[in-house]
Amino acid sequence: MNTDPPDKARFVEITNELSNRDSRLAGIMKHIGPCQLERGSRGIAALAYSVIGQQLSNSSARAIRTKFNILFQNSSIDAERLARMSNEKLRRTGLSLAKSRCLRSFANHVLAGKIDLPKLETMSNEAVIKILSQVKGIGQWTAEMYLIFSLGRLDVFPIDDSSIRAAMIRIYHIQKTNFADGAKKISDQWRPFRTIACWYLYRYMDTIRDKTVNITTDQC
């Protein structure tokens, strides 16, 4: 399975196609500019960082990740050392007990061969989610973040992501009580490039938080 990110020309083709399908998304794209989605790091560290970032602000997650890296003397994070660390030591970084247990369990799954990280790159999105979800504390959202930002999959829609939810409610005026049905219907028109659409929704929410660009839903 080829998971290399599209080149610049292909990104332009994809965003043009999405713009033609969804006028509201087209308005967001116009203000944000070219898609700059990149495939990030893979492996144990990337998944550990996703676990750390669950339900935290970016600033809080960064602070914990910095302390977490210090535990490994800022060198490569490996499953063996992570599995040996006590919950108490991990919690001193700011991690909750549940996340500490999750990280150690994840490391043990890797050591036992239950999770083969290189093999995930050849598997379907559904299979990756199923395998990673063996670990208590790694649910669909964490697996989807790995699919998007580490494995480079182009058709992932993290419907439970708080930023995606907030963006779609603001842009498409979806009723909160019927969010799932409304969001799925809208996202279907983005297939097979739902990841790219979501990247723009993330950047849209960044502008809302940072107030760097004033994008109103009337402009979308």
C-alpha atoms as a PDB file:
ATOM      1  CA  MET A   1       0.000   0.000   0.000  1.00  0.00           C
ATOM      2  CA  ASN A   2       1.479   3.350  -1.100  1.00  0.00           C
ATOM      3  CA  THR A   3       1.153   5.831   1.743  1.00  0.00           C
ATOM      4  CA  ASP A   4       3.531   8.485   0.482  1.00  0.00           C
ATOM      5  CA  PRO A   5       1.862  11.910   0.700  1.00  0.00           C
ATOM      6  CA  PRO A   6       0.689  13.472  -2.558  1.00  0.00           C
ATOM      7  CA  ASP A   7       3.032  15.917  -4.242  1.00  0.00           C
ATOM      8  CA  LYS A   8       2.132  19.585  -4.590  1.00  0.00           C
ATOM      9  CA  ALA A   9       0.393  19.144  -7.929  1.00  0.00           C
ATOM     10  CA  ARG A  10      -1.723  16.276  -6.619  1.00  0.00           C
ATOM     11  CA  PHE A  11      -2.715  18.289  -3.543  1.00  0.00           C
ATOM     12  CA  VAL A  12      -3.939  21.020  -5.887  1.00  0.00           C
ATOM     13  CA  GLU A  13      -5.999  18.486  -7.834  1.00  0.00           C
ATOM     14  CA  ILE A  14      -7.533  17.091  -4.643  1.00  0.00           C
ATOM     15  CA  THR A  15      -8.386  20.473  -3.157  1.00  0.00           C
ATOM     16  CA  ASN A  16      -9.915  21.631  -6.455  1.00  0.00           C
ATOM     17  CA  GLU A  17     -12.057  18.518  -6.523  1.00  0.00           C
ATOM     18  CA  LEU A  18     -13.189  19.032  -2.929  1.00  0.00           C
ATOM     19  CA  SER A  19     -13.928  22.695  -3.636  1.00  0.00           C
ATOM     20  CA  ASN A  20     -16.181  21.742  -6.531  1.00  0.00           C
ATOM     21  CA  ARG A  21     -18.108  19.331  -4.322  1.00  0.00           C
ATOM     22  CA  ASP A  22     -18.459  21.493  -1.197  1.00  0.00           C
ATOM     23  CA  SER A  23     -18.812  25.269  -1.461  1.00  0.00           C
ATOM     24  CA  ARG A  24     -18.509  25.817   2.290  1.00  0.00           C
ATOM     25  CA  LEU A  25     -15.273  23.857   2.456  1.00  0.00           C
ATOM     26  CA  ALA A  26     -14.103  25.789  -0.612  1.00  0.00           C
ATOM     27  CA  GLY A  27     -14.438  29.007   1.391  1.00  0.00           C
ATOM     28  CA  ILE A  28     -12.234  27.594   4.163  1.00  0.00           C
ATOM     29  CA  MET A  29      -9.644  26.408   1.639  1.00  0.00           C
ATOM     30  CA  LYS A  30      -9.505  29.830  -0.001  1.00  0.00           C
ATOM     31  CA  HIS A  31      -8.606  31.514   3.290  1.00  0.00           C
ATOM     32  CA  ILE A  32      -6.246  28.836   4.622  1.00  0.00           C
ATOM     33  CA  GLY A  33      -4.298  28.363   1.392  1.00  0.00           C
ATOM     34  CA  PRO A  34      -2.505  25.289   0.000  1.00  0.00           C
ATOM     35  CA  CYS A  35      -2.723  22.044   1.958  1.00  0.00           C
ATOM     36  CA  GLN A  36       0.492  21.380   3.854  1.00  0.00           C
ATOM     37  CA  LEU A  37      -0.350  18.017   5.342  1.00  0.00           C
ATOM     38  CA  GLU A  38       2.812  16.000   5.883  1.00  0.00           C
ATOM     39  CA  ARG A  39       3.421  12.453   6.967  1.00  0.00           C
ATOM     40  CA  GLY A  40       5.044  12.579  10.383  1.00  0.00           C
ATOM     41  CA  SER A  41       7.017  10.113  12.445  1.00  0.00           C
ATOM     42  CA  ARG A  42       5.862   6.534  12.921  1.00  0.00           C
ATOM     43  CA  GLY A  43       6.333   3.858  15.526  1.00  0.00           C
ATOM     44  CA  ILE A  44       6.272   3.787  19.295  1.00  0.00           C
ATOM     45  CA  ALA A  45       6.990   7.467  19.888  1.00  0.00           C
ATOM     46  CA  ALA A  46       4.253   8.663  17.535  1.00  0.00           C
ATOM     47  CA  LEU A  47       1.617   6.470  19.171  1.00  0.00           C
ATOM     48  CA  ALA A  48       2.821   7.372  22.657  1.00  0.00           C
ATOM     49  CA  TYR A  49       2.477  11.063  21.799  1.00  0.00           C
ATOM     50  CA  SER A  50      -1.063  10.456  20.537  1.00  0.00           C
ATOM     51  CA  VAL A  51      -1.992   8.776  23.814  1.00  0.00           C
ATOM     52  CA  ILE A  52      -0.464  11.662  25.762  1.00  0.00           C
ATOM     53  CA  GLY A  53      -2.465  14.152  23.712  1.00  0.00           C
ATOM     54  CA  GLN A  54      -5.853  12.569  24.341  1.00  0.00           C
ATOM     55  CA  GLN A  55      -8.355  15.154  25.616  1.00  0.00           C
ATOM     56  CA  LEU A  56      -5.633  17.731  26.318  1.00  0.00           C
ATOM     57  CA  SER A  57      -4.908  21.153  24.900  1.00  0.00           C
ATOM     58  CA  ASN A  58      -1.882  21.407  22.620  1.00  0.00           C
ATOM     59  CA  SER A  59       0.080  23.326  25.230  1.00  0.00           C
ATOM     60  CA  SER A  60      -0.620  20.797  28.003  1.00  0.00           C
ATOM     61  CA  ALA A  61       0.255  17.885  25.721  1.00  0.00           C
ATOM     62  CA  ARG A  62       3.538  19.536  24.685  1.00  0.00           C
ATOM     63  CA  ALA A  63       4.528  20.073  28.316  1.00  0.00           C
ATOM     64  CA  ILE A  64       3.950  16.418  29.186  1.00  0.00           C
ATOM     65  CA  ARG A  65       5.715  15.188  26.041  1.00  0.00           C
ATOM     66  CA  THR A  66       8.762  17.239  26.956  1.00  0.00           C
ATOM     67  CA  LYS A  67       8.949  15.626  30.407  1.00  0.00           C
ATOM     68  CA  PHE A  68       8.179  12.218  28.881  1.00  0.00           C
ATOM     69  CA  ASN A  69      11.125  12.559  26.487  1.00  0.00           C
ATOM     70  CA  ILE A  70      13.429  13.398  29.380  1.00  0.00           C
ATOM     71  CA  LEU A  71      12.669   9.963  30.868  1.00  0.00           C
ATOM     72  CA  PHE A  72      14.443   8.518  27.826  1.00  0.00           C
ATOM     73  CA  GLN A  73      17.272  11.052  28.061  1.00  0.00           C
ATOM     74  CA  ASN A  74      15.767  12.638  24.923  1.00  0.00           C
ATOM     75  CA  SER A  75      16.870   9.617  22.893  1.00  0.00           C
ATOM     76  CA  SER A  76      14.730   7.122  20.995  1.00  0.00           C
ATOM     77  CA  ILE A  77      11.688   5.859  22.861  1.00  0.00           C
ATOM     78  CA  ASP A  78      11.752   2.082  22.879  1.00  0.00           C
ATOM     79  CA  ALA A  79       9.207  -0.492  23.995  1.00  0.00           C
ATOM     80  CA  GLU A  80      11.505  -2.309  26.416  1.00  0.00           C
ATOM     81  CA  ARG A  81      12.340   0.738  28.527  1.00  0.00           C
ATOM     82  CA  LEU A  82       8.760   1.995  28.393  1.00  0.00           C
ATOM     83  CA  ALA A  83       7.409  -1.353  29.601  1.00  0.00           C
ATOM     84  CA  ARG A  84       9.841  -1.347  32.550  1.00  0.00           C
ATOM     85  CA  MET A  85       8.856   2.109  33.763  1.00  0.00           C
ATOM     86  CA  SER A  86       6.606   2.267  36.789  1.00  0.00           C
ATOM     87  CA  ASN A  87       3.281   4.047  36.732  1.00  0.00           C
ATOM     88  CA  GLU A  88       4.627   6.363  39.420  1.00  0.00           C
ATOM     89  CA  LYS A  89       7.568   7.429  37.281  1.00  0.00           C
ATOM     90  CA  LEU A  90       5.367   8.038  34.257  1.00  0.00           C
ATOM     91  CA  ARG A  91       2.853   9.998  36.322  1.00  0.00           C
ATOM     92  CA  ARG A  92       5.558  12.431  37.396  1.00  0.00           C
ATOM     93  CA  THR A  93       5.488  13.756  33.827  1.00  0.00           C
ATOM     94  CA  GLY A  94       1.877  14.821  34.339  1.00  0.00           C
ATOM     95  CA  LEU A  95       0.273  11.714  32.873  1.00  0.00           C
ATOM     96  CA  SER A  96      -2.858  10.300  34.445  1.00  0.00           C
ATOM     97  CA  LEU A  97      -2.776   6.804  35.903  1.00  0.00           C
ATOM     98  CA  ALA A  98      -4.958   5.546  33.052  1.00  0.00           C
ATOM     99  CA  LYS A  99      -2.581   6.900  30.411  1.00  0.00           C
ATOM    100  CA  SER A 100       0.454   5.556  32.265  1.00  0.00           C
ATOM    101  CA  ARG A 101      -1.091   2.098  32.282  1.00  0.00           C
ATOM    102  CA  CYS A 102      -2.048   2.449  28.636  1.00  0.00           C
ATOM    103  CA  LEU A 103       1.501   3.313  27.564  1.00  0.00           C
ATOM    104  CA  ARG A 104       3.005   0.404  29.477  1.00  0.00           C
ATOM    105  CA  SER A 105       0.377  -1.973  28.093  1.00  0.00           C
ATOM    106  CA  PHE A 106       1.061  -0.710  24.573  1.00  0.00           C
ATOM    107  CA  ALA A 107       4.794  -1.351  25.023  1.00  0.00           C
ATOM    108  CA  ASN A 108       4.094  -4.869  26.256  1.00  0.00           C
ATOM    109  CA  HIS A 109       1.832  -5.554  23.259  1.00  0.00           C
ATOM    110  CA  VAL A 110       4.684  -4.502  20.963  1.00  0.00           C
ATOM    111  CA  LEU A 111       7.217  -6.662  22.811  1.00  0.00           C
ATOM    112  CA  ALA A 112       4.861  -9.651  22.681  1.00  0.00           C
ATOM    113  CA  GLY A 113       4.405  -9.254  18.934  1.00  0.00           C
ATOM    114  CA  LYS A 114       0.691  -8.527  19.240  1.00  0.00           C
ATOM    115  CA  ILE A 115       1.269  -5.179  17.545  1.00  0.00           C
ATOM    116  CA  ASP A 116       3.697  -5.182  14.616  1.00  0.00           C
ATOM    117  CA  LEU A 117       4.170  -1.491  13.886  1.00  0.00           C
ATOM    118  CA  PRO A 118       5.897  -1.836  10.476  1.00  0.00           C
ATOM    119  CA  LYS A 119       3.178  -4.247   9.342  1.00  0.00           C
ATOM    120  CA  LEU A 120       0.481  -1.656  10.065  1.00  0.00           C
ATOM    121  CA  GLU A 121       1.646   0.268   7.018  1.00  0.00           C
ATOM    122  CA  THR A 122       0.353  -2.473   4.709  1.00  0.00           C
ATOM    123  CA  MET A 123      -3.011  -2.912   6.440  1.00  0.00           C
ATOM    124  CA  SER A 124      -6.385  -1.326   5.799  1.00  0.00           C
ATOM    125  CA  ASN A 125      -7.587   1.528   7.993  1.00  0.00           C
ATOM    126  CA  GLU A 126     -10.122  -0.753   9.668  1.00  0.00           C
ATOM    127  CA  ALA A 127      -7.482  -3.385  10.429  1.00  0.00           C
ATOM    128  CA  VAL A 128      -5.112  -0.801  11.931  1.00  0.00           C
ATOM    129  CA  ILE A 129      -7.861   0.515  14.204  1.00  0.00           C
ATOM    130  CA  LYS A 130      -8.784  -3.002  15.301  1.00  0.00           C
ATOM    131  CA  ILE A 131      -5.202  -3.979  16.130  1.00  0.00           C
ATOM    132  CA  LEU A 132      -4.317  -0.804  18.014  1.00  0.00           C
ATOM    133  CA  SER A 133      -7.593  -0.919  19.938  1.00  0.00           C
ATOM    134  CA  GLN A 134      -6.429  -4.138  21.605  1.00  0.00           C
ATOM    135  CA  VAL A 135      -4.715  -1.857  24.096  1.00  0.00           C
ATOM    136  CA  LYS A 136      -7.009  -0.434  26.749  1.00  0.00           C
ATOM    137  CA  GLY A 137      -6.801   3.310  26.369  1.00  0.00           C
ATOM    138  CA  ILE A 138      -6.078   3.307  22.647  1.00  0.00           C
ATOM    139  CA  GLY A 139      -9.408   3.825  20.994  1.00  0.00           C
ATOM    140  CA  GLN A 140     -10.588   4.828  17.563  1.00  0.00           C
ATOM    141  CA  TRP A 141      -9.506   8.480  17.850  1.00  0.00           C
ATOM    142  CA  THR A 142      -5.904   7.623  18.746  1.00  0.00           C
ATOM    143  CA  ALA A 143      -5.740   5.077  15.942  1.00  0.00           C
ATOM    144  CA  GLU A 144      -7.190   7.600  13.499  1.00  0.00           C
ATOM    145  CA  MET A 145      -4.572  10.200  14.454  1.00  0.00           C
ATOM    146  CA  TYR A 146      -1.903   7.596  13.711  1.00  0.00           C
ATOM    147  CA  LEU A 147      -3.551   6.786  10.374  1.00  0.00           C
ATOM    148  CA  ILE A 148      -3.639  10.450   9.391  1.00  0.00           C
ATOM    149  CA  PHE A 149      -0.412  11.912  10.705  1.00  0.00           C
ATOM    150  CA  SER A 150       1.913   8.899  10.708  1.00  0.00           C
ATOM    151  CA  LEU A 151       0.644   6.499   8.053  1.00  0.00           C
ATOM    152  CA  GLY A 152      -0.498   9.205   5.670  1.00  0.00           C
ATOM    153  CA  ARG A 153      -3.919   7.768   4.888  1.00  0.00           C
ATOM    154  CA  LEU A 154      -6.013  10.146   2.799  1.00  0.00           C
ATOM    155  CA  ASP A 155      -9.531   8.972   3.626  1.00  0.00           C
ATOM    156  CA  VAL A 156      -9.909   9.125   7.403  1.00  0.00           C
ATOM    157  CA  PHE A 157     -12.767  10.939   9.133  1.00  0.00           C
ATOM    158  CA  PRO A 158     -12.259  11.238  12.928  1.00  0.00           C
ATOM    159  CA  ILE A 159     -15.870  12.004  13.739  1.00  0.00           C
ATOM    160  CA  ASP A 160     -15.276  11.991  17.513  1.00  0.00           C
ATOM    161  CA  ASP A 161     -12.486  14.573  17.346  1.00  0.00           C
ATOM    162  CA  SER A 162     -13.504  17.678  19.310  1.00  0.00           C
ATOM    163  CA  SER A 163     -11.981  20.099  16.783  1.00  0.00           C
ATOM    164  CA  ILE A 164     -13.664  18.398  13.840  1.00  0.00           C
ATOM    165  CA  ARG A 165     -16.953  18.452  15.705  1.00  0.00           C
ATOM    166  CA  ALA A 166     -16.623  22.134  16.638  1.00  0.00           C
ATOM    167  CA  ALA A 167     -15.640  23.121  13.103  1.00  0.00           C
ATOM    168  CA  MET A 168     -18.513  21.271  11.449  1.00  0.00           C
ATOM    169  CA  ILE A 169     -21.068  22.684  13.864  1.00  0.00           C
ATOM    170  CA  ARG A 170     -19.831  26.220  13.127  1.00  0.00           C
ATOM    171  CA  ILE A 171     -19.485  25.824   9.360  1.00  0.00           C
ATOM    172  CA  TYR A 172     -22.426  23.580   8.523  1.00  0.00           C
ATOM    173  CA  HIS A 173     -24.735  24.493  11.426  1.00  0.00           C
ATOM    174  CA  ILE A 174     -25.273  20.853  12.321  1.00  0.00           C
ATOM    175  CA  GLN A 175     -27.520  20.272  15.319  1.00  0.00           C
ATOM    176  CA  LYS A 176     -25.520  18.909  18.245  1.00  0.00           C
ATOM    177  CA  THR A 177     -28.250  16.380  19.030  1.00  0.00           C
ATOM    178  CA  ASN A 178     -27.980  14.880  15.549  1.00  0.00           C
ATOM    179  CA  PHE A 179     -24.307  15.528  14.892  1.00  0.00           C
ATOM    180  CA  ALA A 180     -23.218  12.037  13.819  1.00  0.00           C
ATOM    181  CA  ASP A 181     -25.834  11.665  11.085  1.00  0.00           C
ATOM    182  CA  GLY A 182     -25.288  15.183   9.768  1.00  0.00           C
ATOM    183  CA  ALA A 183     -21.496  14.949   9.840  1.00  0.00           C
ATOM    184  CA  LYS A 184     -21.400  11.582   8.079  1.00  0.00           C
ATOM    185  CA  LYS A 185     -23.688  12.845   5.330  1.00  0.00           C
ATOM    186  CA  ILE A 186     -21.487  15.879   4.723  1.00  0.00           C
ATOM    187  CA  SER A 187     -18.244  13.906   4.894  1.00  0.00           C
ATOM    188  CA  ASP A 188     -19.466  11.384   2.337  1.00  0.00           C
ATOM    189  CA  GLN A 189     -19.039  14.020  -0.376  1.00  0.00           C
ATOM    190  CA  TRP A 190     -15.344  14.290   0.558  1.00  0.00           C
ATOM    191  CA  ARG A 191     -14.532  10.630  -0.110  1.00  0.00           C
ATOM    192  CA  PRO A 192     -11.881   9.411  -0.814  1.00  0.00           C
ATOM    193  CA  PHE A 193     -10.102  12.508   0.516  1.00  0.00           C
ATOM    194  CA  ARG A 194     -11.750  13.013   3.891  1.00  0.00           C
ATOM    195  CA  THR A 195      -8.346  13.446   5.552  1.00  0.00           C
ATOM    196  CA  ILE A 196      -7.613  16.508   3.414  1.00  0.00           C
ATOM    197  CA  ALA A 197     -10.982  18.049   4.255  1.00  0.00           C
ATOM    198  CA  CYS A 198     -10.344  17.418   7.953  1.00  0.00           C
ATOM    199  CA  TRP A 199      -6.901  19.009   7.718  1.00  0.00           C
ATOM    200  CA  TYR A 200      -8.617  22.209   6.617  1.00  0.00           C
ATOM    201  CA  LEU A 201     -11.121  21.931   9.456  1.00  0.00           C
ATOM    202  CA  TYR A 202      -8.223  21.638  11.917  1.00  0.00           C
ATOM    203  CA  ARG A 203      -6.561  24.724  10.449  1.00  0.00           C
ATOM    204  CA  TYR A 204      -9.890  26.564  10.522  1.00  0.00           C
ATOM    205  CA  MET A 205     -10.175  25.909  14.255  1.00  0.00           C
ATOM    206  CA  ASP A 206      -6.573  27.071  14.714  1.00  0.00           C
ATOM    207  CA  THR A 207      -7.532  30.424  13.211  1.00  0.00           C
ATOM    208  CA  ILE A 208     -10.528  30.631  15.549  1.00  0.00           C
ATOM    209  CA  ARG A 209      -8.342  29.955  18.597  1.00  0.00           C
ATOM    210  CA  ASP A 210      -5.432  32.152  17.489  1.00  0.00           C
ATOM    211  CA  LYS A 211      -7.607  34.849  15.906  1.00  0.00           C
ATOM    212  CA  THR A 212      -4.985  35.116  13.161  1.00  0.00           C
ATOM    213  CA  VAL A 213      -7.551  35.153  10.352  1.00  0.00           C
ATOM    214  CA  ASN A 214     -11.173  36.161  10.581  1.00  0.00           C
ATOM    215  CA  ILE A 215     -13.147  33.502   8.716  1.00  0.00           C
ATOM    216  CA  THR A 216     -16.867  33.723   9.206  1.00  0.00           C
ATOM    217  CA  THR A 217     -19.279  31.015   8.174  1.00  0.00           C
ATOM    218  CA  ASP A 218     -20.963  33.580   5.905  1.00  0.00           C
ATOM    219  CA  GLN A 219     -17.772  33.623   3.855  1.00  0.00           C
ATOM    220  CA  CYS A 220     -17.706  29.859   3.452  1.00  0.00           C
END
